[in-house]
Amino acid sequence: MNENEKNVRKRHGLPFRLVIFLVLLLIGVIPMIVYQLGMRQSVSDALVNETKERMYSECSNISQFISYIAAPEDSAVLSDVRSQMVDSAKLLNGRMLLLDPSYRAIADTYAYDRVHYVVFQGVLSLYSSDRESLTEITEEYINYFVKVVPKNSTKTYVLCFMAPLAKNSSFMASVSRKSILLMTIILVITLCVVYYFAFMLGRPMKKLKDSAHALYDGQRGDIVGKHYKELVETSDTVNELMEQLHAIDTSRKEFVSNVSHELKTPITSIRVLADSLMSMPKGEAPVELYEDFMTDISDELNREAKIIDDLLTLVRTDESMANLNYSTVDIHAMLEGLLKRLQPLAGKKNVELVLESFRRVDAEVDEVKLVLAISNLVENAIKYNRESGHVRVSLNADHKYFYIKVEDSGFGIPAESQTKIFERFYRVDKARSREMGGTGLGLAITRNIIQMHKGIIRVFSKENEGTTFTVRIPLNNVSESSEGDGT
């Protein structure tokens, strides 16, 4: 990862602790705000309802008193009515009026000694409807109008009660001031608690990041994630990945070392042979000696060329399956031709080659690469076999896969080596392998080719009894990922 990519990630990433802090803060503050708004509305509604109930109660008492009066406009009676109205209005710091049908205020707690007319929209609405009472609530007042019919009278009077909400407003202002103070205190406490928990929740993430940075800087060790299940799983996954990367890096270094060694060995031999020839006096060495030395040099050059060819083949087989040239191939005919070409090699050791085919098999494969893979198996079975031994190659298939088995009567492979034989440059018996001209890359090439075909190769062997390789490959070109290697 270059420096620009690091900067881009830093610019677009949010700190975990900041996210946790904001989330916890919202979780703590939003309910407080909602509660504050709801509480203020509830208190306001409760005060309005209480004021209305008291207005209804006072108006009900006065209405009952008037309903028993035969002549409410009589001065003596009206004085008693006005007295009761004044007492009721003072309770809520409001105003009460008694209006006759002509909208004349015969009693008004604001005007005692003069007759005047008052027209309220509520009174007009009440007279024009069948309702007995009407309540109006504005931003500043609560107005209550109720019809009153005196005893033995055909006139309908209206009792009006107007109470201001200023008292409620001042009370609400006081409640708001106290609630704001309380919310401020709670908010400060919430910020402290949220910051503490954000710090504590983010500390394992910081430790995980620090250990990852330490690993990136070259310090060996495992990435440790604690406290949370997700962090533990993440750290375990990263540690497994790092182990795989370390194994790959170790394998790469071993591969480079092996390649250097394998390429250097023939060159060293050629140099020794050439130096020996150069050190001989001219004209004194027999021709036969020169011919032997030149033959050895040619063999070492051929060996060098074989190693290079196998390395190039291995590189090509490491590439993606897009390099496979699929075609429908008669697998029996392919194996028959392969054994025919290897018959001279088997004849040198008097090894019997046998092909057993249980049914005709046509499959979509890359014939060139698959022939190379199976040739490596059969050629090894011949080279590492006993005199007058045998190599049996069998072919079978089901509805989905075809199976190739290569069985020999050779020296066998030790149990501790069977898991390593597919590694590059690995040799079970280095001396015998070099004597046979092997490079240690054949089985690695074979496994790569079989895996490119989404197949599986397995080995079964017992020392001094022989070795069997089994190969399973899909009959048709498979686009899904491989089922895995089962060496």
Protein backbone atom coordinates (compact mmCIF):
# COMPACT_ATOMS: atom_id res chain seq x y z
CA MET A 1 0.00 0.00 0.00
CA ASN A 2 1.53 3.35 -1.03
CA GLU A 3 1.41 6.62 0.88
CA ASN A 4 -1.42 8.05 -1.26
CA GLU A 5 -3.66 5.06 -0.53
CA LYS A 6 -2.95 5.45 3.20
CA ASN A 7 -3.90 9.14 3.06
CA VAL A 8 -7.10 8.38 1.17
CA ARG A 9 -8.14 5.83 3.82
CA LYS A 10 -7.38 8.27 6.60
CA ARG A 11 -9.43 10.99 4.92
CA HIS A 12 -12.44 8.76 4.37
CA GLY A 13 -12.36 6.85 7.64
CA LEU A 14 -14.05 7.92 10.86
CA PRO A 15 -12.47 7.15 14.23
CA PHE A 16 -14.28 4.33 15.99
CA ARG A 17 -14.32 6.22 19.28
CA LEU A 18 -15.86 9.28 17.62
CA VAL A 19 -18.62 7.14 16.11
CA ILE A 20 -19.29 5.46 19.45
CA PHE A 21 -19.24 8.84 21.20
CA LEU A 22 -21.75 10.38 18.79
CA VAL A 23 -24.02 7.34 18.89
CA LEU A 24 -24.07 7.20 22.68
CA LEU A 25 -24.53 10.97 22.86
CA LEU A 26 -27.53 10.83 20.55
CA ILE A 27 -28.95 7.91 22.52
CA GLY A 28 -28.61 9.94 25.72
CA VAL A 29 -29.61 13.41 24.48
CA ILE A 30 -32.53 12.68 22.16
CA PRO A 31 -34.67 11.06 24.89
CA MET A 32 -33.96 14.06 27.17
CA ILE A 33 -35.09 16.51 24.50
CA VAL A 34 -38.20 14.49 23.75
CA TYR A 35 -38.96 14.20 27.46
CA GLN A 36 -38.42 17.94 27.97
CA LEU A 37 -40.77 18.85 25.14
CA GLY A 38 -43.33 16.32 26.25
CA MET A 39 -43.10 17.43 29.86
CA ARG A 40 -43.57 21.12 28.98
CA GLN A 41 -46.58 20.29 26.83
CA SER A 42 -48.03 18.08 29.55
CA VAL A 43 -47.58 20.79 32.21
CA SER A 44 -49.11 23.40 29.90
CA ASP A 45 -52.09 21.17 29.13
CA ALA A 46 -52.53 20.39 32.80
CA LEU A 47 -52.56 24.11 33.72
CA VAL A 48 -55.05 24.92 30.97
CA ASN A 49 -57.29 22.05 32.03
CA GLU A 50 -57.12 23.13 35.65
CA THR A 51 -58.06 26.71 34.69
CA LYS A 52 -60.95 25.48 32.59
CA GLU A 53 -62.26 23.28 35.38
CA ARG A 54 -62.22 26.19 37.84
CA MET A 55 -63.95 28.44 35.29
CA TYR A 56 -66.62 25.82 34.70
CA SER A 57 -67.12 25.39 38.42
CA GLU A 58 -67.47 29.13 39.14
CA CYS A 59 -69.76 29.71 36.18
CA SER A 60 -71.90 26.75 37.20
CA ASN A 61 -72.42 28.20 40.70
CA ILE A 62 -73.35 31.64 39.38
CA SER A 63 -75.62 30.17 36.70
CA GLN A 64 -77.53 28.16 39.29
CA PHE A 65 -77.94 31.29 41.44
CA ILE A 66 -79.27 33.29 38.47
CA SER A 67 -81.61 30.50 37.39
CA TYR A 68 -83.53 30.88 40.69
CA ILE A 69 -83.96 34.65 40.24
CA ALA A 70 -87.17 35.90 38.69
CA ALA A 71 -85.80 39.36 37.76
CA PRO A 72 -81.98 39.35 37.43
CA GLU A 73 -81.97 42.97 36.27
CA ASP A 74 -83.39 44.18 39.60
CA SER A 75 -80.76 46.41 41.21
CA ALA A 76 -80.73 44.59 44.57
CA VAL A 77 -80.52 41.17 42.97
CA LEU A 78 -78.02 42.36 40.41
CA SER A 79 -75.77 43.62 43.17
CA ASP A 80 -75.60 40.13 44.67
CA VAL A 81 -74.89 38.60 41.26
CA ARG A 82 -72.13 41.12 40.58
CA SER A 83 -70.61 40.42 44.01
CA GLN A 84 -70.39 36.71 43.28
CA MET A 85 -68.96 37.43 39.83
CA VAL A 86 -66.24 39.65 41.32
CA ASP A 87 -65.23 36.97 43.79
CA SER A 88 -65.06 34.33 41.05
CA ALA A 89 -63.12 36.59 38.66
CA LYS A 90 -60.51 37.40 41.31
CA LEU A 91 -59.74 33.71 41.74
CA LEU A 92 -58.30 33.57 38.21
CA ASN A 93 -57.49 37.26 37.75
CA GLY A 94 -60.08 37.36 35.01
CA ARG A 95 -63.23 39.15 33.95
CA MET A 96 -66.88 38.10 34.11
CA LEU A 97 -69.89 39.61 32.33
CA LEU A 98 -73.60 38.90 32.23
CA LEU A 99 -75.13 39.82 28.87
CA ASP A 100 -78.84 40.08 28.06
CA PRO A 101 -80.19 39.06 24.62
CA SER A 102 -79.44 42.55 23.27
CA TYR A 103 -75.71 42.14 24.17
CA ARG A 104 -76.04 44.70 26.96
CA ALA A 105 -73.74 44.00 29.90
CA ILE A 106 -76.02 44.18 32.90
CA ALA A 107 -73.10 43.04 35.13
CA ASP A 108 -69.40 43.46 34.43
CA THR A 109 -66.57 42.98 36.91
CA TYR A 110 -64.53 45.64 35.03
CA ALA A 111 -67.29 48.29 34.82
CA TYR A 112 -69.61 48.64 37.82
CA ASP A 113 -71.50 51.88 37.28
CA ARG A 114 -72.27 52.18 33.59
CA VAL A 115 -74.34 50.31 31.09
CA HIS A 116 -72.47 49.26 27.91
CA TYR A 117 -72.78 46.78 25.11
CA VAL A 118 -70.30 44.02 24.39
CA VAL A 119 -70.35 41.75 21.37
CA PHE A 120 -68.17 38.64 21.48
CA GLN A 121 -67.82 36.19 18.64
CA GLY A 122 -68.36 33.39 21.12
CA VAL A 123 -71.67 34.93 22.24
CA LEU A 124 -72.85 35.24 18.64
CA SER A 125 -71.88 31.63 17.99
CA LEU A 126 -73.65 30.47 21.15
CA TYR A 127 -76.89 32.34 20.33
CA SER A 128 -76.88 30.97 16.81
CA SER A 129 -76.56 27.36 17.92
CA ASP A 130 -78.32 24.89 20.20
CA ARG A 131 -75.30 24.51 22.46
CA GLU A 132 -75.55 25.47 26.10
CA SER A 133 -71.88 26.50 26.50
CA LEU A 134 -68.83 27.33 24.42
CA THR A 135 -65.09 27.46 25.21
CA GLU A 136 -62.51 29.43 23.25
CA ILE A 137 -58.75 29.16 23.89
CA THR A 138 -56.35 31.69 22.41
CA GLU A 139 -52.65 32.34 23.03
CA GLU A 140 -53.50 34.80 25.83
CA TYR A 141 -57.01 33.95 27.15
CA ILE A 142 -59.49 31.23 27.88
CA ASN A 143 -63.03 32.41 27.17
CA TYR A 144 -66.02 30.50 28.48
CA PHE A 145 -69.63 31.34 27.54
CA VAL A 146 -72.69 29.66 29.06
CA LYS A 147 -76.41 30.28 28.57
CA VAL A 148 -78.47 31.21 31.65
CA VAL A 149 -82.26 31.29 31.83
CA PRO A 150 -83.75 32.97 34.96
CA LYS A 151 -86.77 31.54 36.73
CA ASN A 152 -90.08 32.24 34.99
CA SER A 153 -88.28 34.19 32.25
CA THR A 154 -88.30 33.83 28.48
CA LYS A 155 -85.03 35.68 28.08
CA THR A 156 -81.73 33.84 27.64
CA TYR A 157 -78.75 35.54 29.20
CA VAL A 158 -75.11 34.65 28.57
CA LEU A 159 -72.55 34.48 31.36
CA CYS A 160 -69.00 35.23 30.05
CA PHE A 161 -65.81 34.35 31.89
CA MET A 162 -62.45 35.43 30.46
CA ALA A 163 -59.28 34.31 32.24
CA PRO A 164 -55.77 35.28 31.07
CA LEU A 165 -53.04 32.71 30.53
CA ALA A 166 -50.33 35.09 31.73
CA LYS A 167 -50.13 33.32 35.08
CA ASN A 168 -49.73 30.01 33.31
CA SER A 169 -47.12 31.54 31.01
CA SER A 170 -45.06 32.83 33.92
CA PHE A 171 -45.29 29.45 35.58
CA MET A 172 -44.23 27.76 32.37
CA ALA A 173 -41.31 30.18 32.00
CA SER A 174 -40.19 29.27 35.50
CA VAL A 175 -40.54 25.58 34.66
CA SER A 176 -38.55 26.12 31.46
CA ARG A 177 -35.72 27.87 33.29
CA LYS A 178 -35.49 25.11 35.84
CA SER A 179 -35.73 22.38 33.20
CA ILE A 180 -32.99 24.03 31.09
CA LEU A 181 -30.75 24.18 34.14
CA LEU A 182 -31.53 20.55 34.91
CA MET A 183 -30.94 19.52 31.30
CA THR A 184 -27.61 21.35 31.26
CA ILE A 185 -26.47 19.46 34.35
CA ILE A 186 -27.70 16.16 32.91
CA LEU A 187 -26.04 16.94 29.56
CA VAL A 188 -22.68 17.59 31.23
CA ILE A 189 -22.97 14.35 33.18
CA THR A 190 -24.03 12.54 30.01
CA LEU A 191 -21.06 13.90 28.08
CA CYS A 192 -18.68 12.70 30.77
CA VAL A 193 -20.27 9.25 30.96
CA VAL A 194 -20.47 8.93 27.17
CA TYR A 195 -16.84 9.99 26.74
CA TYR A 196 -15.75 7.45 29.35
CA PHE A 197 -17.67 4.61 27.74
CA ALA A 198 -16.53 5.64 24.23
CA PHE A 199 -12.95 5.56 25.50
CA MET A 200 -13.42 2.18 27.15
CA LEU A 201 -15.24 0.67 24.15
CA GLY A 202 -12.63 2.00 21.74
CA ARG A 203 -9.59 0.89 23.72
CA PRO A 204 -9.66 -2.73 22.42
CA MET A 205 -9.90 -1.37 18.87
CA LYS A 206 -6.89 0.86 19.50
CA LYS A 207 -4.91 -2.06 20.88
CA LEU A 208 -5.81 -4.10 17.81
CA LYS A 209 -4.71 -1.23 15.57
CA ASP A 210 -1.46 -0.75 17.49
CA SER A 211 -0.59 -4.44 17.27
CA ALA A 212 -1.38 -4.36 13.52
CA HIS A 213 0.91 -1.33 13.09
CA ALA A 214 3.64 -3.09 15.06
CA LEU A 215 3.28 -6.09 12.78
CA TYR A 216 3.41 -3.80 9.75
CA ASP A 217 6.62 -2.22 11.08
CA GLY A 218 8.27 -5.63 11.15
CA GLN A 219 7.77 -6.66 14.77
CA ARG A 220 6.91 -10.32 15.04
CA GLY A 221 3.98 -11.48 17.11
CA ASP A 222 0.26 -12.12 16.95
CA ILE A 223 -2.46 -9.52 16.60
CA VAL A 224 -4.45 -9.64 19.84
CA GLY A 225 -8.14 -8.75 19.99
CA LYS A 226 -9.93 -9.05 23.33
CA HIS A 227 -13.22 -8.26 25.06
CA TYR A 228 -15.48 -8.51 21.99
CA LYS A 229 -16.32 -11.61 20.01
CA GLU A 230 -15.95 -9.79 16.69
CA LEU A 231 -12.49 -8.50 17.61
CA VAL A 232 -11.36 -11.95 18.71
CA GLU A 233 -12.60 -13.46 15.44
CA THR A 234 -11.00 -10.65 13.42
CA SER A 235 -7.65 -11.02 15.17
CA ASP A 236 -7.75 -14.81 14.73
CA THR A 237 -8.51 -14.40 11.02
CA VAL A 238 -5.70 -11.87 10.57
CA ASN A 239 -3.27 -14.09 12.47
CA GLU A 240 -4.19 -17.04 10.25
CA LEU A 241 -3.68 -14.83 7.20
CA MET A 242 -0.31 -13.68 8.52
CA GLU A 243 0.70 -17.29 9.12
CA GLN A 244 -0.23 -18.13 5.54
CA LEU A 245 1.69 -15.10 4.25
CA HIS A 246 4.67 -16.09 6.39
CA ALA A 247 4.48 -19.62 5.01
CA ILE A 248 4.27 -18.25 1.47
CA ASP A 249 7.23 -15.97 2.12
CA THR A 250 9.22 -18.87 3.59
CA SER A 251 8.25 -21.03 0.62
CA ARG A 252 9.32 -18.27 -1.77
CA LYS A 253 12.68 -17.92 -0.08
CA GLU A 254 13.17 -21.68 -0.11
CA PHE A 255 12.15 -21.77 -3.76
CA VAL A 256 14.64 -19.05 -4.68
CA SER A 257 17.33 -20.84 -2.70
CA ASN A 258 16.52 -24.16 -4.35
CA VAL A 259 16.44 -22.61 -7.81
CA SER A 260 19.81 -21.00 -7.18
CA HIS A 261 21.23 -24.27 -5.93
CA GLU A 262 19.78 -26.36 -8.76
CA LEU A 263 20.99 -23.95 -11.43
CA LYS A 264 24.36 -23.53 -9.80
CA THR A 265 25.10 -27.27 -9.52
CA PRO A 266 25.38 -28.01 -13.28
CA ILE A 267 27.32 -24.79 -13.82
CA THR A 268 29.77 -25.81 -11.08
CA SER A 269 30.19 -29.21 -12.67
CA ILE A 270 30.77 -27.65 -16.09
CA ARG A 271 33.34 -25.25 -14.61
CA VAL A 272 35.22 -28.09 -12.89
CA LEU A 273 35.25 -30.13 -16.11
CA ALA A 274 36.34 -27.15 -18.19
CA ASP A 275 39.09 -26.24 -15.69
CA SER A 276 40.29 -29.84 -15.78
CA LEU A 277 40.49 -29.73 -19.56
CA MET A 278 42.26 -26.38 -19.52
CA SER A 279 44.81 -27.60 -16.98
CA MET A 280 45.85 -30.57 -19.11
CA PRO A 281 49.01 -30.12 -21.22
CA LYS A 282 48.21 -29.66 -24.87
CA GLY A 283 48.64 -32.76 -26.95
CA GLU A 284 49.21 -35.07 -24.00
CA ALA A 285 45.60 -35.92 -22.98
CA PRO A 286 44.05 -38.83 -24.93
CA VAL A 287 41.13 -38.14 -27.23
CA GLU A 288 38.94 -40.52 -25.27
CA LEU A 289 39.38 -38.37 -22.15
CA TYR A 290 38.38 -35.25 -24.06
CA GLU A 291 35.31 -37.07 -25.38
CA ASP A 292 34.31 -38.19 -21.86
CA PHE A 293 34.72 -34.68 -20.51
CA MET A 294 32.72 -33.16 -23.38
CA THR A 295 29.99 -35.78 -22.90
CA ASP A 296 29.77 -34.88 -19.20
CA ILE A 297 29.63 -31.18 -20.06
CA SER A 298 26.84 -31.88 -22.60
CA ASP A 299 24.91 -33.86 -19.97
CA GLU A 300 25.21 -31.01 -17.47
CA LEU A 301 24.05 -28.52 -20.09
CA ASN A 302 21.07 -30.73 -20.90
CA ARG A 303 20.29 -30.94 -17.20
CA GLU A 304 20.48 -27.14 -16.92
CA ALA A 305 18.17 -26.79 -19.91
CA LYS A 306 15.74 -29.31 -18.36
CA ILE A 307 15.63 -27.34 -15.11
CA ILE A 308 14.97 -24.09 -16.97
CA ASP A 309 12.27 -25.72 -19.10
CA ASP A 310 10.58 -27.14 -15.99
CA LEU A 311 10.77 -23.75 -14.27
CA LEU A 312 9.13 -22.07 -17.25
CA THR A 313 6.46 -24.77 -17.33
CA LEU A 314 5.85 -24.32 -13.60
CA VAL A 315 5.45 -20.55 -14.04
CA ARG A 316 2.97 -21.07 -16.85
CA THR A 317 0.94 -23.56 -14.81
CA ASP A 318 0.82 -21.07 -11.92
CA GLU A 319 -1.21 -18.72 -14.12
CA SER A 320 -5.02 -18.63 -14.19
CA MET A 321 -7.25 -21.21 -15.85
CA ALA A 322 -7.83 -18.75 -18.69
CA ASN A 323 -4.65 -20.21 -20.24
CA LEU A 324 -6.25 -23.63 -20.62
CA ASN A 325 -7.28 -24.53 -24.15
CA TYR A 326 -10.26 -26.81 -23.58
CA SER A 327 -11.36 -29.36 -26.15
CA THR A 328 -13.20 -32.67 -26.07
CA VAL A 329 -10.58 -35.39 -25.75
CA ASP A 330 -10.77 -39.21 -25.85
CA ILE A 331 -8.92 -39.88 -22.59
CA HIS A 332 -8.30 -43.56 -23.42
CA ALA A 333 -6.65 -42.69 -26.72
CA MET A 334 -4.62 -40.00 -24.99
CA LEU A 335 -3.30 -42.45 -22.38
CA GLU A 336 -2.64 -45.07 -25.02
CA GLY A 337 -0.47 -42.67 -27.00
CA LEU A 338 1.31 -41.50 -23.87
CA LEU A 339 2.28 -45.06 -22.83
CA LYS A 340 3.40 -45.81 -26.36
CA ARG A 341 5.83 -42.88 -26.27
CA LEU A 342 7.19 -43.97 -22.87
CA GLN A 343 7.57 -47.62 -23.86
CA PRO A 344 11.27 -47.23 -24.85
CA LEU A 345 12.05 -45.77 -21.39
CA ALA A 346 10.21 -48.67 -19.73
CA GLY A 347 12.03 -51.17 -21.96
CA LYS A 348 15.42 -50.06 -20.66
CA LYS A 349 14.43 -51.27 -17.16
CA ASN A 350 12.26 -54.13 -18.40
CA VAL A 351 9.22 -52.47 -16.76
CA GLU A 352 5.83 -53.65 -17.97
CA LEU A 353 3.36 -50.88 -18.93
CA VAL A 354 -0.32 -51.84 -18.65
CA LEU A 355 -3.38 -49.71 -19.52
CA GLU A 356 -6.76 -50.69 -18.09
CA SER A 357 -9.82 -48.85 -19.31
CA PHE A 358 -13.26 -49.68 -17.89
CA ARG A 359 -15.29 -47.54 -20.30
CA ARG A 360 -14.94 -44.92 -23.00
CA VAL A 361 -14.29 -41.49 -21.51
CA ASP A 362 -14.62 -38.18 -23.37
CA ALA A 363 -13.81 -35.07 -21.33
CA GLU A 364 -13.24 -31.35 -21.81
CA VAL A 365 -9.56 -30.83 -20.95
CA ASP A 366 -6.40 -29.12 -22.16
CA GLU A 367 -4.83 -32.15 -23.81
CA VAL A 368 -1.29 -30.77 -24.00
CA LYS A 369 -1.12 -29.85 -20.32
CA LEU A 370 -2.90 -32.98 -19.10
CA VAL A 371 -0.53 -35.20 -21.11
CA LEU A 372 2.39 -33.41 -19.43
CA ALA A 373 0.88 -34.03 -15.97
CA ILE A 374 0.17 -37.74 -16.51
CA SER A 375 3.52 -38.21 -18.29
CA ASN A 376 5.31 -36.96 -15.17
CA LEU A 377 3.47 -39.54 -13.05
CA VAL A 378 4.12 -42.46 -15.43
CA GLU A 379 7.73 -41.42 -16.07
CA ASN A 380 8.42 -41.25 -12.32
CA ALA A 381 6.75 -44.64 -11.88
CA ILE A 382 9.14 -46.07 -14.47
CA LYS A 383 12.29 -44.33 -13.24
CA TYR A 384 11.83 -45.20 -9.58
CA ASN A 385 10.73 -48.77 -10.23
CA ARG A 386 12.53 -52.06 -9.81
CA GLU A 387 13.99 -54.12 -12.63
CA SER A 388 11.25 -56.23 -14.23
CA GLY A 389 8.62 -54.29 -12.32
CA HIS A 390 5.27 -53.04 -13.61
CA VAL A 391 3.31 -49.81 -14.01
CA ARG A 392 -0.48 -50.04 -14.31
CA VAL A 393 -2.50 -47.08 -15.57
CA SER A 394 -6.28 -47.39 -15.17
CA LEU A 395 -9.10 -45.18 -16.43
CA ASN A 396 -12.64 -45.01 -15.08
CA ALA A 397 -15.48 -42.46 -14.87
CA ASP A 398 -18.87 -41.73 -13.39
CA HIS A 399 -21.52 -39.20 -14.36
CA LYS A 400 -19.41 -36.23 -13.21
CA TYR A 401 -15.71 -37.10 -13.01
CA PHE A 402 -13.11 -39.30 -14.68
CA TYR A 403 -10.41 -41.06 -12.67
CA ILE A 404 -6.84 -41.94 -13.63
CA LYS A 405 -4.76 -44.23 -11.41
CA VAL A 406 -1.01 -44.75 -11.84
CA GLU A 407 0.26 -47.70 -9.80
CA ASP A 408 3.86 -48.98 -9.70
CA SER A 409 5.86 -51.68 -7.95
CA GLY A 410 8.74 -49.39 -7.08
CA PHE A 411 10.60 -48.38 -3.96
CA GLY A 412 7.69 -46.53 -2.36
CA ILE A 413 7.65 -43.19 -0.54
CA PRO A 414 8.23 -42.84 3.22
CA ALA A 415 5.21 -41.69 5.19
CA GLU A 416 6.95 -38.49 6.37
CA SER A 417 7.67 -37.49 2.75
CA GLN A 418 4.22 -38.10 1.27
CA THR A 419 2.95 -34.65 2.32
CA LYS A 420 5.99 -32.91 0.79
CA ILE A 421 6.47 -34.59 -2.58
CA PHE A 422 4.43 -31.92 -4.39
CA GLU A 423 6.68 -29.14 -3.10
CA ARG A 424 9.05 -27.61 -5.62
CA PHE A 425 12.53 -29.16 -5.71
CA TYR A 426 11.64 -31.66 -3.02
CA ARG A 427 13.28 -35.06 -3.51
CA VAL A 428 12.68 -38.18 -1.44
CA ASP A 429 16.11 -39.55 -2.32
CA LYS A 430 18.30 -36.74 -3.65
CA ALA A 431 21.13 -38.98 -4.81
CA ARG A 432 18.83 -41.33 -6.71
CA SER A 433 16.83 -38.43 -8.14
CA ARG A 434 19.91 -36.68 -9.51
CA GLU A 435 21.13 -39.99 -10.90
CA MET A 436 17.82 -40.41 -12.71
CA GLY A 437 18.01 -36.85 -14.07
CA GLY A 438 15.08 -35.45 -12.06
CA THR A 439 14.73 -31.75 -11.28
CA GLY A 440 12.31 -32.03 -8.37
CA LEU A 441 9.67 -29.98 -10.24
CA GLY A 442 7.69 -32.69 -12.02
CA LEU A 443 5.12 -33.39 -9.31
CA ALA A 444 4.68 -29.68 -8.58
CA ILE A 445 3.91 -29.14 -12.27
CA THR A 446 1.54 -32.11 -12.25
CA ARG A 447 -0.41 -30.83 -9.24
CA ASN A 448 -0.70 -27.31 -10.75
CA ILE A 449 -2.07 -28.68 -14.02
CA ILE A 450 -4.61 -30.91 -12.26
CA GLN A 451 -5.72 -28.03 -10.03
CA MET A 452 -6.11 -25.84 -13.13
CA HIS A 453 -8.57 -28.49 -14.35
CA LYS A 454 -10.41 -28.24 -11.00
CA GLY A 455 -9.18 -31.72 -10.15
CA ILE A 456 -7.66 -33.49 -7.16
CA ILE A 457 -4.55 -35.64 -6.90
CA ARG A 458 -3.79 -38.03 -4.04
CA VAL A 459 -0.90 -40.35 -3.26
CA PHE A 460 -0.89 -43.69 -1.46
CA SER A 461 2.45 -45.40 -0.86
CA LYS A 462 4.25 -47.92 1.29
CA GLU A 463 8.00 -48.36 1.33
CA ASN A 464 9.33 -51.30 -0.71
CA GLU A 465 5.81 -52.10 -1.95
CA GLY A 466 5.10 -49.37 -4.46
CA THR A 467 3.20 -46.11 -4.97
CA THR A 468 -0.24 -45.25 -6.35
CA PHE A 469 -1.31 -41.80 -7.59
CA THR A 470 -5.04 -41.19 -8.14
CA VAL A 471 -6.32 -38.24 -10.17
CA ARG A 472 -9.93 -37.03 -10.30
CA ILE A 473 -10.94 -34.41 -12.89
CA PRO A 474 -14.43 -33.15 -13.92
CA LEU A 475 -15.69 -34.43 -17.26
CA ASN A 476 -16.85 -30.95 -18.25
CA ASN A 477 -15.21 -27.55 -17.98
CA VAL A 478 -16.13 -26.22 -14.52
CA SER A 479 -16.34 -22.46 -14.00
CA GLU A 480 -16.81 -22.68 -10.22
CA SER A 481 -13.90 -22.62 -7.80
CA SER A 482 -11.96 -25.80 -7.22
CA GLU A 483 -13.08 -28.22 -4.57
CA GLY A 484 -9.61 -28.08 -3.12
CA ASP A 485 -6.41 -29.97 -3.19
CA GLY A 486 -6.45 -33.41 -1.64
CA THR A 487 -2.84 -34.48 -1.83
